[in-house]
C-alpha atoms as a PDB file:
ATOM      1  CA  MET A   1      53.507 -50.628   4.872  1.00  0.00           C
ATOM      2  CA  THR A   2      51.481 -48.809   2.155  1.00  0.00           C
ATOM      3  CA  SER A   3      49.500 -51.767   0.317  1.00  0.00           C
ATOM      4  CA  ILE A   4      49.106 -52.066  -3.213  1.00  0.00           C
ATOM      5  CA  THR A   5      45.115 -51.449  -3.500  1.00  0.00           C
ATOM      6  CA  GLU A   6      46.362 -47.426  -2.017  1.00  0.00           C
ATOM      7  CA  THR A   7      48.658 -47.095  -5.011  1.00  0.00           C
ATOM      8  CA  SER A   8      47.270 -49.076  -7.743  1.00  0.00           C
ATOM      9  CA  PRO A   9      44.779 -45.970  -8.670  1.00  0.00           C
ATOM     10  CA  HIS A  10      47.892 -43.685  -9.377  1.00  0.00           C
ATOM     11  CA  LEU A  11      49.630 -46.192 -11.305  1.00  0.00           C
ATOM     12  CA  LEU A  12      46.698 -46.945 -12.995  1.00  0.00           C
ATOM     13  CA  ALA A  13      45.881 -44.031 -14.160  1.00  0.00           C
ATOM     14  CA  PRO A  14      44.901 -43.405 -17.528  1.00  0.00           C
ATOM     15  CA  GLU A  15      46.953 -41.646 -19.966  1.00  0.00           C
ATOM     16  CA  PRO A  16      45.446 -38.303 -21.450  1.00  0.00           C
ATOM     17  CA  SER A  17      43.921 -38.448 -25.038  1.00  0.00           C
ATOM     18  CA  ARG A  18      45.623 -36.699 -28.086  1.00  0.00           C
ATOM     19  CA  LEU A  19      42.537 -34.118 -28.140  1.00  0.00           C
ATOM     20  CA  GLN A  20      42.854 -33.489 -24.026  1.00  0.00           C
ATOM     21  CA  ALA A  21      47.099 -33.199 -24.935  1.00  0.00           C
ATOM     22  CA  LEU A  22      46.462 -30.727 -27.422  1.00  0.00           C
ATOM     23  CA  LYS A  23      43.792 -28.846 -25.406  1.00  0.00           C
ATOM     24  CA  SER A  24      46.435 -28.544 -22.625  1.00  0.00           C
ATOM     25  CA  ILE A  25      49.294 -27.585 -24.943  1.00  0.00           C
ATOM     26  CA  ILE A  26      47.190 -24.890 -26.405  1.00  0.00           C
ATOM     27  CA  LEU A  27      45.588 -23.650 -23.368  1.00  0.00           C
ATOM     28  CA  GLY A  28      49.547 -24.042 -21.701  1.00  0.00           C
ATOM     29  CA  ARG A  29      51.305 -21.567 -23.870  1.00  0.00           C
ATOM     30  CA  PRO A  30      50.284 -17.985 -24.251  1.00  0.00           C
ATOM     31  CA  GLY A  31      51.841 -17.884 -27.613  1.00  0.00           C
ATOM     32  CA  THR A  32      49.883 -20.652 -29.178  1.00  0.00           C
ATOM     33  CA  ILE A  33      46.339 -19.152 -27.707  1.00  0.00           C
ATOM     34  CA  ALA A  34      47.541 -15.848 -29.728  1.00  0.00           C
ATOM     35  CA  ALA A  35      47.812 -18.108 -32.622  1.00  0.00           C
ATOM     36  CA  VAL A  36      44.348 -19.236 -32.232  1.00  0.00           C
ATOM     37  CA  VAL A  37      42.898 -16.113 -31.687  1.00  0.00           C
ATOM     38  CA  VAL A  38      44.196 -14.680 -34.805  1.00  0.00           C
ATOM     39  CA  ILE A  39      43.431 -17.827 -36.951  1.00  0.00           C
ATOM     40  CA  ALA A  40      39.745 -17.177 -35.663  1.00  0.00           C
ATOM     41  CA  LEU A  41      39.493 -13.649 -36.529  1.00  0.00           C
ATOM     42  CA  LEU A  42      41.200 -14.558 -40.247  1.00  0.00           C
ATOM     43  CA  CYS A  43      38.232 -17.067 -40.672  1.00  0.00           C
ATOM     44  CA  ILE A  44      35.191 -14.142 -39.528  1.00  0.00           C
ATOM     45  CA  VAL A  45      37.196 -11.474 -41.449  1.00  0.00           C
ATOM     46  CA  ALA A  46      37.169 -13.998 -44.179  1.00  0.00           C
ATOM     47  CA  VAL A  47      33.385 -15.175 -43.983  1.00  0.00           C
ATOM     48  CA  PHE A  48      31.950 -11.692 -43.458  1.00  0.00           C
ATOM     49  CA  ALA A  49      34.214  -9.350 -46.086  1.00  0.00           C
ATOM     50  CA  PRO A  50      31.371  -7.687 -47.475  1.00  0.00           C
ATOM     51  CA  MET A  51      30.077  -6.472 -44.229  1.00  0.00           C
ATOM     52  CA  LEU A  52      33.117  -5.910 -42.625  1.00  0.00           C
ATOM     53  CA  ALA A  53      34.929  -4.224 -45.600  1.00  0.00           C
ATOM     54  CA  PRO A  54      34.221  -0.437 -45.408  1.00  0.00           C
ATOM     55  CA  TYR A  55      34.326   0.120 -49.413  1.00  0.00           C
ATOM     56  CA  ASP A  56      34.098  -1.680 -52.709  1.00  0.00           C
ATOM     57  CA  PRO A  57      37.733  -3.124 -52.687  1.00  0.00           C
ATOM     58  CA  LEU A  58      37.529  -2.392 -56.804  1.00  0.00           C
ATOM     59  CA  THR A  59      36.367   0.914 -56.668  1.00  0.00           C
ATOM     60  CA  GLN A  60      38.873   3.851 -58.049  1.00  0.00           C
ATOM     61  CA  SER A  61      38.810   7.374 -57.127  1.00  0.00           C
ATOM     62  CA  MET A  62      41.218   9.936 -58.467  1.00  0.00           C
ATOM     63  CA  LEU A  63      39.839  12.422 -55.705  1.00  0.00           C
ATOM     64  CA  LYS A  64      41.460   9.562 -53.050  1.00  0.00           C
ATOM     65  CA  ILE A  65      44.987   8.816 -54.611  1.00  0.00           C
ATOM     66  CA  ASN A  66      47.837   8.078 -51.905  1.00  0.00           C
ATOM     67  CA  ARG A  67      45.978   9.147 -49.021  1.00  0.00           C
ATOM     68  CA  THR A  68      47.627   8.895 -45.982  1.00  0.00           C
ATOM     69  CA  PRO A  69      45.894   6.832 -43.010  1.00  0.00           C
ATOM     70  CA  SER A  70      42.849   8.333 -41.654  1.00  0.00           C
ATOM     71  CA  TRP A  71      39.349   7.693 -39.992  1.00  0.00           C
ATOM     72  CA  GLU A  72      38.027   7.471 -43.394  1.00  0.00           C
ATOM     73  CA  ASN A  73      40.576   5.282 -44.727  1.00  0.00           C
ATOM     74  CA  TRP A  74      42.515   3.787 -41.750  1.00  0.00           C
ATOM     75  CA  LEU A  75      45.227   2.345 -44.131  1.00  0.00           C
ATOM     76  CA  GLY A  76      45.211   4.710 -46.414  1.00  0.00           C
ATOM     77  CA  THR A  77      44.375   4.486 -50.347  1.00  0.00           C
ATOM     78  CA  ASP A  78      46.720   3.004 -53.376  1.00  0.00           C
ATOM     79  CA  GLN A  79      47.979   4.680 -56.602  1.00  0.00           C
ATOM     80  CA  PHE A  80      44.484   4.160 -57.848  1.00  0.00           C
ATOM     81  CA  GLY A  81      42.527   5.544 -54.690  1.00  0.00           C
ATOM     82  CA  ARG A  82      41.487   2.163 -53.355  1.00  0.00           C
ATOM     83  CA  ASP A  83      40.898   1.402 -50.014  1.00  0.00           C
ATOM     84  CA  VAL A  84      43.720  -0.598 -49.062  1.00  0.00           C
ATOM     85  CA  LEU A  85      42.169  -1.799 -45.506  1.00  0.00           C
ATOM     86  CA  SER A  86      38.646  -3.406 -47.674  1.00  0.00           C
ATOM     87  CA  ARG A  87      41.277  -4.707 -50.342  1.00  0.00           C
ATOM     88  CA  MET A  88      43.105  -6.472 -47.357  1.00  0.00           C
ATOM     89  CA  ILE A  89      39.808  -8.171 -46.126  1.00  0.00           C
ATOM     90  CA  TYR A  90      39.046  -9.199 -49.195  1.00  0.00           C
ATOM     91  CA  GLY A  91      42.112 -10.635 -49.875  1.00  0.00           C
ATOM     92  CA  SER A  92      42.177 -12.648 -46.536  1.00  0.00           C
ATOM     93  CA  ARG A  93      39.412 -15.112 -48.608  1.00  0.00           C
ATOM     94  CA  ASN A  94      42.341 -15.669 -50.805  1.00  0.00           C
ATOM     95  CA  SER A  95      44.585 -16.780 -48.342  1.00  0.00           C
ATOM     96  CA  LEU A  96      41.971 -18.833 -46.111  1.00  0.00           C
ATOM     97  CA  ILE A  97      41.097 -20.307 -49.246  1.00  0.00           C
ATOM     98  CA  PHE A  98      44.064 -21.422 -50.808  1.00  0.00           C
ATOM     99  CA  GLY A  99      45.749 -22.529 -47.470  1.00  0.00           C
ATOM    100  CA  LEU A 100      43.030 -24.558 -46.260  1.00  0.00           C
ATOM    101  CA  ILE A 101      42.191 -26.243 -49.911  1.00  0.00           C
ATOM    102  CA  SER A 102      45.497 -26.625 -51.200  1.00  0.00           C
ATOM    103  CA  PRO A 103      47.213 -28.606 -48.174  1.00  0.00           C
ATOM    104  CA  PHE A 104      44.071 -30.819 -47.987  1.00  0.00           C
ATOM    105  CA  CYS A 105      43.952 -32.158 -51.850  1.00  0.00           C
ATOM    106  CA  ALA A 106      47.756 -32.346 -51.560  1.00  0.00           C
ATOM    107  CA  ALA A 107      47.570 -34.507 -48.779  1.00  0.00           C
ATOM    108  CA  VAL A 108      44.785 -36.644 -50.472  1.00  0.00           C
ATOM    109  CA  ILE A 109      46.957 -37.222 -52.934  1.00  0.00           C
ATOM    110  CA  GLY A 110      50.120 -37.297 -51.795  1.00  0.00           C
ATOM    111  CA  THR A 111      48.975 -39.848 -49.114  1.00  0.00           C
ATOM    112  CA  THR A 112      47.343 -41.924 -51.593  1.00  0.00           C
ATOM    113  CA  LEU A 113      50.612 -42.204 -53.911  1.00  0.00           C
ATOM    114  CA  GLY A 114      52.714 -43.099 -50.461  1.00  0.00           C
ATOM    115  CA  VAL A 115      50.540 -45.846 -49.502  1.00  0.00           C
ATOM    116  CA  ILE A 116      50.105 -47.655 -52.911  1.00  0.00           C
ATOM    117  CA  ALA A 117      53.817 -47.257 -53.379  1.00  0.00           C
ATOM    118  CA  GLY A 118      54.735 -48.613 -49.362  1.00  0.00           C
ATOM    119  CA  TYR A 119      52.223 -50.850 -49.128  1.00  0.00           C
ATOM    120  CA  PHE A 120      52.806 -52.388 -52.647  1.00  0.00           C
ATOM    121  CA  GLY A 121      56.352 -52.167 -53.176  1.00  0.00           C
ATOM    122  CA  GLY A 122      58.213 -53.523 -56.106  1.00  0.00           C
ATOM    123  CA  ILE A 123      57.936 -51.705 -59.230  1.00  0.00           C
ATOM    124  CA  VAL A 124      55.449 -49.422 -58.275  1.00  0.00           C
ATOM    125  CA  ASP A 125      57.393 -48.401 -55.425  1.00  0.00           C
ATOM    126  CA  ARG A 126      60.244 -47.693 -57.756  1.00  0.00           C
ATOM    127  CA  LEU A 127      58.115 -46.192 -60.172  1.00  0.00           C
ATOM    128  CA  LEU A 128      56.575 -43.591 -57.684  1.00  0.00           C
ATOM    129  CA  SER A 129      59.493 -42.945 -55.649  1.00  0.00           C
ATOM    130  CA  ARG A 130      61.213 -41.546 -58.893  1.00  0.00           C
ATOM    131  CA  VAL A 131      58.677 -39.617 -60.106  1.00  0.00           C
ATOM    132  CA  ILE A 132      58.424 -38.367 -56.143  1.00  0.00           C
ATOM    133  CA  ASP A 133      62.164 -37.700 -56.133  1.00  0.00           C
ATOM    134  CA  LEU A 134      61.962 -35.827 -59.438  1.00  0.00           C
ATOM    135  CA  LEU A 135      59.544 -33.264 -57.944  1.00  0.00           C
ATOM    136  CA  LEU A 136      61.592 -33.275 -54.695  1.00  0.00           C
ATOM    137  CA  ALA A 137      64.736 -31.731 -56.703  1.00  0.00           C
ATOM    138  CA  PHE A 138      62.862 -28.618 -57.167  1.00  0.00           C
ATOM    139  CA  PRO A 139      62.293 -26.323 -54.544  1.00  0.00           C
ATOM    140  CA  GLU A 140      58.549 -25.745 -53.627  1.00  0.00           C
ATOM    141  CA  LEU A 141      58.292 -22.189 -55.004  1.00  0.00           C
ATOM    142  CA  LEU A 142      60.467 -23.098 -57.773  1.00  0.00           C
ATOM    143  CA  LEU A 143      58.293 -25.907 -59.119  1.00  0.00           C
ATOM    144  CA  ALA A 144      55.184 -23.574 -58.511  1.00  0.00           C
ATOM    145  CA  ILE A 145      56.740 -21.170 -60.335  1.00  0.00           C
ATOM    146  CA  MET A 146      57.642 -23.631 -63.358  1.00  0.00           C
ATOM    147  CA  ILE A 147      53.774 -25.086 -63.603  1.00  0.00           C
ATOM    148  CA  ALA A 148      52.015 -21.525 -63.438  1.00  0.00           C
ATOM    149  CA  ALA A 149      53.982 -20.156 -65.911  1.00  0.00           C
ATOM    150  CA  VAL A 150      52.530 -23.007 -67.961  1.00  0.00           C
ATOM    151  CA  LEU A 151      48.967 -22.754 -66.726  1.00  0.00           C
ATOM    152  CA  GLY A 152      48.638 -18.975 -65.982  1.00  0.00           C
ATOM    153  CA  GLY A 153      46.794 -17.102 -62.978  1.00  0.00           C
ATOM    154  CA  GLY A 154      43.529 -18.211 -62.079  1.00  0.00           C
ATOM    155  CA  PHE A 155      41.831 -19.712 -58.977  1.00  0.00           C
ATOM    156  CA  TRP A 156      41.493 -23.721 -59.730  1.00  0.00           C
ATOM    157  CA  ASN A 157      44.954 -22.888 -61.487  1.00  0.00           C
ATOM    158  CA  VAL A 158      46.696 -21.532 -57.872  1.00  0.00           C
ATOM    159  CA  ILE A 159      45.073 -24.416 -56.177  1.00  0.00           C
ATOM    160  CA  PHE A 160      46.362 -26.744 -58.545  1.00  0.00           C
ATOM    161  CA  VAL A 161      49.813 -25.434 -58.443  1.00  0.00           C
ATOM    162  CA  ILE A 162      50.305 -25.510 -55.036  1.00  0.00           C
ATOM    163  CA  THR A 163      48.772 -29.194 -54.756  1.00  0.00           C
ATOM    164  CA  ILE A 164      51.450 -30.397 -56.864  1.00  0.00           C
ATOM    165  CA  ALA A 165      54.380 -28.378 -55.275  1.00  0.00           C
ATOM    166  CA  PHE A 166      53.096 -30.367 -51.485  1.00  0.00           C
ATOM    167  CA  VAL A 167      52.078 -33.831 -53.198  1.00  0.00           C
ATOM    168  CA  PRO A 168      55.989 -35.083 -52.566  1.00  0.00           C
ATOM    169  CA  GLY A 169      56.303 -33.866 -49.241  1.00  0.00           C
ATOM    170  CA  PHE A 170      53.140 -35.698 -48.516  1.00  0.00           C
ATOM    171  CA  ALA A 171      53.725 -39.038 -50.611  1.00  0.00           C
ATOM    172  CA  ARG A 172      56.798 -39.421 -48.850  1.00  0.00           C
ATOM    173  CA  VAL A 173      55.921 -38.979 -45.090  1.00  0.00           C
ATOM    174  CA  ALA A 174      53.107 -41.577 -45.953  1.00  0.00           C
ATOM    175  CA  ARG A 175      55.395 -44.027 -47.909  1.00  0.00           C
ATOM    176  CA  ALA A 176      57.770 -44.524 -44.836  1.00  0.00           C
ATOM    177  CA  GLN A 177      54.952 -44.309 -42.328  1.00  0.00           C
ATOM    178  CA  THR A 178      53.071 -47.322 -44.093  1.00  0.00           C
ATOM    179  CA  LEU A 179      56.466 -49.324 -44.684  1.00  0.00           C
ATOM    180  CA  ALA A 180      56.719 -49.265 -40.836  1.00  0.00           C
ATOM    181  CA  VAL A 181      53.118 -50.038 -40.125  1.00  0.00           C
ATOM    182  CA  LYS A 182      53.120 -53.000 -42.522  1.00  0.00           C
ATOM    183  CA  GLN A 183      55.644 -54.721 -40.659  1.00  0.00           C
ATOM    184  CA  GLU A 184      53.401 -54.777 -37.645  1.00  0.00           C
ATOM    185  CA  PRO A 185      52.179 -57.905 -36.289  1.00  0.00           C
ATOM    186  CA  TYR A 186      48.369 -57.203 -36.929  1.00  0.00           C
ATOM    187  CA  VAL A 187      49.015 -56.308 -40.324  1.00  0.00           C
ATOM    188  CA  GLU A 188      50.977 -59.287 -40.790  1.00  0.00           C
ATOM    189  CA  ALA A 189      48.198 -61.272 -38.917  1.00  0.00           C
ATOM    190  CA  ALA A 190      45.203 -59.603 -41.265  1.00  0.00           C
ATOM    191  CA  ILE A 191      47.423 -60.661 -44.229  1.00  0.00           C
ATOM    192  CA  SER A 192      47.955 -64.517 -43.370  1.00  0.00           C
ATOM    193  CA  VAL A 193      44.030 -64.956 -42.738  1.00  0.00           C
ATOM    194  CA  GLY A 194      43.488 -63.359 -46.126  1.00  0.00           C
ATOM    195  CA  VAL A 195      41.792 -60.225 -45.478  1.00  0.00           C
ATOM    196  CA  ARG A 196      41.438 -58.214 -48.831  1.00  0.00           C
ATOM    197  CA  THR A 197      44.164 -55.484 -49.576  1.00  0.00           C
ATOM    198  CA  PRO A 198      41.294 -52.330 -49.524  1.00  0.00           C
ATOM    199  CA  VAL A 199      40.212 -53.647 -46.078  1.00  0.00           C
ATOM    200  CA  ILE A 200      43.578 -53.658 -44.556  1.00  0.00           C
ATOM    201  CA  ILE A 201      44.859 -50.376 -46.259  1.00  0.00           C
ATOM    202  CA  PHE A 202      41.745 -48.579 -45.032  1.00  0.00           C
ATOM    203  CA  ARG A 203      41.530 -50.014 -41.707  1.00  0.00           C
ATOM    204  CA  HIS A 204      45.123 -50.673 -40.663  1.00  0.00           C
ATOM    205  CA  ILE A 205      47.252 -48.910 -42.791  1.00  0.00           C
ATOM    206  CA  ILE A 206      45.720 -44.875 -43.147  1.00  0.00           C
ATOM    207  CA  PRO A 207      44.140 -44.887 -39.792  1.00  0.00           C
ATOM    208  CA  ASN A 208      47.925 -45.359 -38.025  1.00  0.00           C
ATOM    209  CA  ILE A 209      49.701 -42.955 -40.781  1.00  0.00           C
ATOM    210  CA  MET A 210      47.322 -40.157 -40.267  1.00  0.00           C
ATOM    211  CA  ALA A 211      48.907 -38.820 -37.198  1.00  0.00           C
ATOM    212  CA  PRO A 212      52.084 -37.340 -39.062  1.00  0.00           C
ATOM    213  CA  ILE A 213      50.168 -36.523 -42.021  1.00  0.00           C
ATOM    214  CA  VAL A 214      47.707 -34.157 -40.153  1.00  0.00           C
ATOM    215  CA  VAL A 215      50.616 -32.433 -38.737  1.00  0.00           C
ATOM    216  CA  LEU A 216      52.491 -32.008 -41.801  1.00  0.00           C
ATOM    217  CA  MET A 217      48.894 -30.553 -43.389  1.00  0.00           C
ATOM    218  CA  MET A 218      48.679 -28.052 -40.717  1.00  0.00           C
ATOM    219  CA  LEU A 219      52.247 -26.754 -40.896  1.00  0.00           C
ATOM    220  CA  TRP A 220      51.834 -26.565 -44.876  1.00  0.00           C
ATOM    221  CA  VAL A 221      48.801 -24.498 -44.433  1.00  0.00           C
ATOM    222  CA  ALA A 222      51.497 -21.290 -43.541  1.00  0.00           C
ATOM    223  CA  SER A 223      53.706 -22.407 -46.667  1.00  0.00           C
ATOM    224  CA  ALA A 224      50.388 -22.583 -49.172  1.00  0.00           C
ATOM    225  CA  ILE A 225      49.676 -19.258 -47.475  1.00  0.00           C
ATOM    226  CA  ARG A 226      53.249 -17.871 -47.893  1.00  0.00           C
ATOM    227  CA  LEU A 227      53.243 -19.401 -51.562  1.00  0.00           C
ATOM    228  CA  GLU A 228      50.158 -17.981 -52.873  1.00  0.00           C
ATOM    229  CA  ALA A 229      51.289 -14.420 -51.889  1.00  0.00           C
ATOM    230  CA  SER A 230      54.623 -15.267 -53.719  1.00  0.00           C
ATOM    231  CA  LEU A 231      52.813 -16.393 -56.784  1.00  0.00           C
ATOM    232  CA  SER A 232      50.616 -13.022 -56.968  1.00  0.00           C
ATOM    233  CA  PHE A 233      53.776 -11.378 -56.198  1.00  0.00           C
ATOM    234  CA  LEU A 234      55.018 -12.389 -59.208  1.00  0.00           C
ATOM    235  CA  GLY A 235      52.166 -12.038 -61.260  1.00  0.00           C
ATOM    236  CA  ILE A 236      51.061 -15.615 -61.817  1.00  0.00           C
ATOM    237  CA  GLY A 237      48.953 -15.936 -58.936  1.00  0.00           C
ATOM    238  CA  THR A 238      45.454 -14.197 -58.432  1.00  0.00           C
ATOM    239  CA  GLN A 239      45.323 -11.787 -61.020  1.00  0.00           C
ATOM    240  CA  PRO A 240      44.112  -8.152 -60.581  1.00  0.00           C
ATOM    241  CA  PRO A 241      42.001  -6.543 -60.035  1.00  0.00           C
ATOM    242  CA  ASN A 242      40.995  -9.350 -57.570  1.00  0.00           C
ATOM    243  CA  PRO A 243      42.836  -8.433 -54.176  1.00  0.00           C
ATOM    244  CA  SER A 244      45.222 -10.897 -52.959  1.00  0.00           C
ATOM    245  CA  TRP A 245      47.985  -9.939 -49.959  1.00  0.00           C
ATOM    246  CA  GLY A 246      50.732 -10.777 -52.877  1.00  0.00           C
ATOM    247  CA  ASN A 247      49.697  -8.291 -55.751  1.00  0.00           C
ATOM    248  CA  ILE A 248      48.634  -5.522 -52.942  1.00  0.00           C
ATOM    249  CA  ILE A 249      52.401  -5.930 -52.026  1.00  0.00           C
ATOM    250  CA  LYS A 250      53.170  -5.629 -55.721  1.00  0.00           C
ATOM    251  CA  ASP A 251      50.875  -2.486 -56.510  1.00  0.00           C
ATOM    252  CA  GLY A 252      52.980  -0.916 -53.261  1.00  0.00           C
ATOM    253  CA  LEU A 253      56.377  -1.699 -54.602  1.00  0.00           C
ATOM    254  CA  ASN A 254      55.349  -0.052 -57.538  1.00  0.00           C
ATOM    255  CA  ASN A 255      54.025   2.876 -55.671  1.00  0.00           C
ATOM    256  CA  ILE A 256      56.537   2.758 -52.922  1.00  0.00           C
ATOM    257  CA  PHE A 257      57.315   6.098 -52.551  1.00  0.00           C
ATOM    258  CA  GLY A 258      53.603   7.607 -53.316  1.00  0.00           C
ATOM    259  CA  SER A 259      52.172   5.358 -50.495  1.00  0.00           C
ATOM    260  CA  PRO A 260      54.066   2.306 -48.336  1.00  0.00           C
ATOM    261  CA  TRP A 261      50.710   1.172 -46.514  1.00  0.00           C
ATOM    262  CA  PRO A 262      49.771  -1.490 -48.763  1.00  0.00           C
ATOM    263  CA  ILE A 263      53.231  -3.294 -48.232  1.00  0.00           C
ATOM    264  CA  ILE A 264      53.412  -2.321 -44.693  1.00  0.00           C
ATOM    265  CA  GLY A 265      49.580  -3.772 -44.080  1.00  0.00           C
ATOM    266  CA  ALA A 266      50.186  -6.811 -46.133  1.00  0.00           C
ATOM    267  CA  GLY A 267      53.481  -7.622 -45.129  1.00  0.00           C
ATOM    268  CA  ALA A 268      52.195  -7.532 -41.568  1.00  0.00           C
ATOM    269  CA  ALA A 269      49.259  -9.462 -42.360  1.00  0.00           C
ATOM    270  CA  ILE A 270      51.107 -12.431 -43.880  1.00  0.00           C
ATOM    271  CA  THR A 271      53.772 -12.600 -41.292  1.00  0.00           C
ATOM    272  CA  LEU A 272      51.210 -12.741 -38.410  1.00  0.00           C
ATOM    273  CA  VAL A 273      49.213 -15.336 -40.277  1.00  0.00           C
ATOM    274  CA  VAL A 274      51.812 -17.370 -41.251  1.00  0.00           C
ATOM    275  CA  LEU A 275      53.299 -17.493 -37.714  1.00  0.00           C
ATOM    276  CA  SER A 276      50.284 -18.220 -36.054  1.00  0.00           C
ATOM    277  CA  PHE A 277      49.381 -21.205 -38.133  1.00  0.00           C
ATOM    278  CA  ASN A 278      53.135 -22.243 -37.685  1.00  0.00           C
ATOM    279  CA  LEU A 279      52.254 -21.729 -33.728  1.00  0.00           C
ATOM    280  CA  VAL A 280      49.382 -23.955 -33.941  1.00  0.00           C
ATOM    281  CA  GLY A 281      50.650 -26.481 -36.409  1.00  0.00           C
ATOM    282  CA  ASP A 282      53.682 -27.192 -33.644  1.00  0.00           C
ATOM    283  CA  ALA A 283      50.750 -27.525 -31.034  1.00  0.00           C
ATOM    284  CA  VAL A 284      49.365 -30.317 -33.008  1.00  0.00           C
ATOM    285  CA  ARG A 285      52.807 -31.700 -33.285  1.00  0.00           C
ATOM    286  CA  ASP A 286      53.444 -31.775 -30.200  1.00  0.00           C
ATOM    287  CA  ALA A 287      49.548 -33.816 -29.276  1.00  0.00           C
ATOM    288  CA  LEU A 288      50.284 -36.196 -31.715  1.00  0.00           C
ATOM    289  CA  ASP A 289      53.463 -37.120 -31.437  1.00  0.00           C
ATOM    290  CA  PRO A 290      54.327 -39.093 -28.022  1.00  0.00           C
ATOM    291  CA  SER A 291      58.235 -38.521 -28.614  1.00  0.00           C
ATOM    292  CA  THR A 292      57.848 -34.470 -28.564  1.00  0.00           C
ATOM    293  CA  SER A 293      54.888 -34.357 -26.300  1.00  0.00           C
ATOM    294  CA  GLN A 294      56.899 -35.730 -23.842  1.00  0.00           C
ATOM    295  CA  ASN A 295      59.640 -33.359 -23.700  1.00  0.00           C
END
């Protein structure tokens, strides 16, 4: 007969931490490994763009108009004689900056509004919920276009536009999670013994709702990159001649019969980067959400 002491080490084995779970998920999926490599390459290209770009992305040349790919110009040139590869390398900076800053700002603002609405309830909850519902009535792209049309292009305007477009989603998730955590015994005990509200929020509420917020932020990095490219394509995002993957596609569309390479290069870059961030976001979700990580 097997004794309890012989089997107890297996029964009491500690569960892996979320970091270990994320590591095992990433290393266990070839697609996720490839996605991490693509994101790492994007960061390297964006940071070292001046050293990696073979030409100045703004330099025009009448002698190099609509060149096909060659050893001199790997992705050819556009209708102004500018090197497409150099413009894509510099354009990756905009994609990375907007893709990281905008979801982070939206997460901070949206989580703050959602926690306030869910914790305090009453008239505060009703007012904030109506504002959130009003913003959620518009699709993200349409809401971004409406705001950008009023504010115009520009670096900070684009960040502000994408941030406002993402705030309602973060606020709704934070509010729902706050309502659930607020009913937990440890929160009720803290309230009953007179712990101050800011202490309860920062010590008990926010740490316990961060998992879905982080997952949502990772998934919306890809949406922010896509949204910035869409705004730039429509002419209300990054303004020419500054390169952006969106306005590279716009310029290529106006010259599609002269040189299709701007559309092919920038379109492939957007597709690959967005897919990579979505794959990594799925891995983070599986690691932080117990209900999906066990499947």
